[in-house]
Amino acid sequence: MKQQKAMLIALIVICLTVIVTALVTRKDLCEVRIRTGQT
């Protein structure tokens, strides 16, 4: 049971990390697009 719980927590942490990373990179990509569009 403990191993299953640990695996579940690890999966949740990985999912959250992926979501946060995706959001951050999306913002950066938008900024880059705006900068390239202005020049």
Protein backbone atom coordinates (compact mmCIF):
# COMPACT_ATOMS: atom_id res chain seq x y z
CA MET A 1 0.00 0.00 0.00
CA LYS A 2 2.79 2.42 0.86
CA GLN A 3 4.47 1.84 -2.50
CA GLN A 4 1.20 2.50 -4.37
CA LYS A 5 0.68 5.75 -2.45
CA ALA A 6 4.24 6.86 -3.16
CA MET A 7 3.81 6.08 -6.87
CA LEU A 8 0.53 8.02 -6.94
CA ILE A 9 2.12 11.05 -5.26
CA ALA A 10 5.07 10.86 -7.67
CA LEU A 11 2.68 10.76 -10.64
CA ILE A 12 0.76 13.79 -9.34
CA VAL A 13 4.00 15.72 -8.79
CA ILE A 14 5.22 14.86 -12.30
CA CYS A 15 1.89 15.91 -13.83
CA LEU A 16 1.92 19.22 -11.95
CA THR A 17 5.52 19.87 -13.00
CA VAL A 18 4.65 19.18 -16.65
CA ILE A 19 1.62 21.50 -16.50
CA VAL A 20 3.57 24.33 -14.84
CA THR A 21 6.46 23.92 -17.30
CA ALA A 22 4.03 23.99 -20.23
CA LEU A 23 2.39 27.18 -18.95
CA VAL A 24 5.75 28.90 -18.35
CA THR A 25 7.14 27.93 -21.76
CA ARG A 26 3.91 29.04 -23.44
CA LYS A 27 4.25 32.51 -21.88
CA ASP A 28 7.89 32.67 -23.00
CA LEU A 29 6.92 31.57 -26.54
CA CYS A 30 4.23 34.28 -26.68
CA GLU A 31 6.76 36.90 -25.54
CA VAL A 32 9.24 35.76 -28.18
CA ARG A 33 6.54 35.94 -30.87
CA ILE A 34 5.53 39.46 -29.80
CA ARG A 35 9.18 40.60 -29.80
CA THR A 36 9.85 39.14 -33.26
CA GLY A 37 6.62 40.66 -34.55
CA GLN A 38 7.57 44.17 -33.38
CA THR A 39 11.02 44.19 -35.00
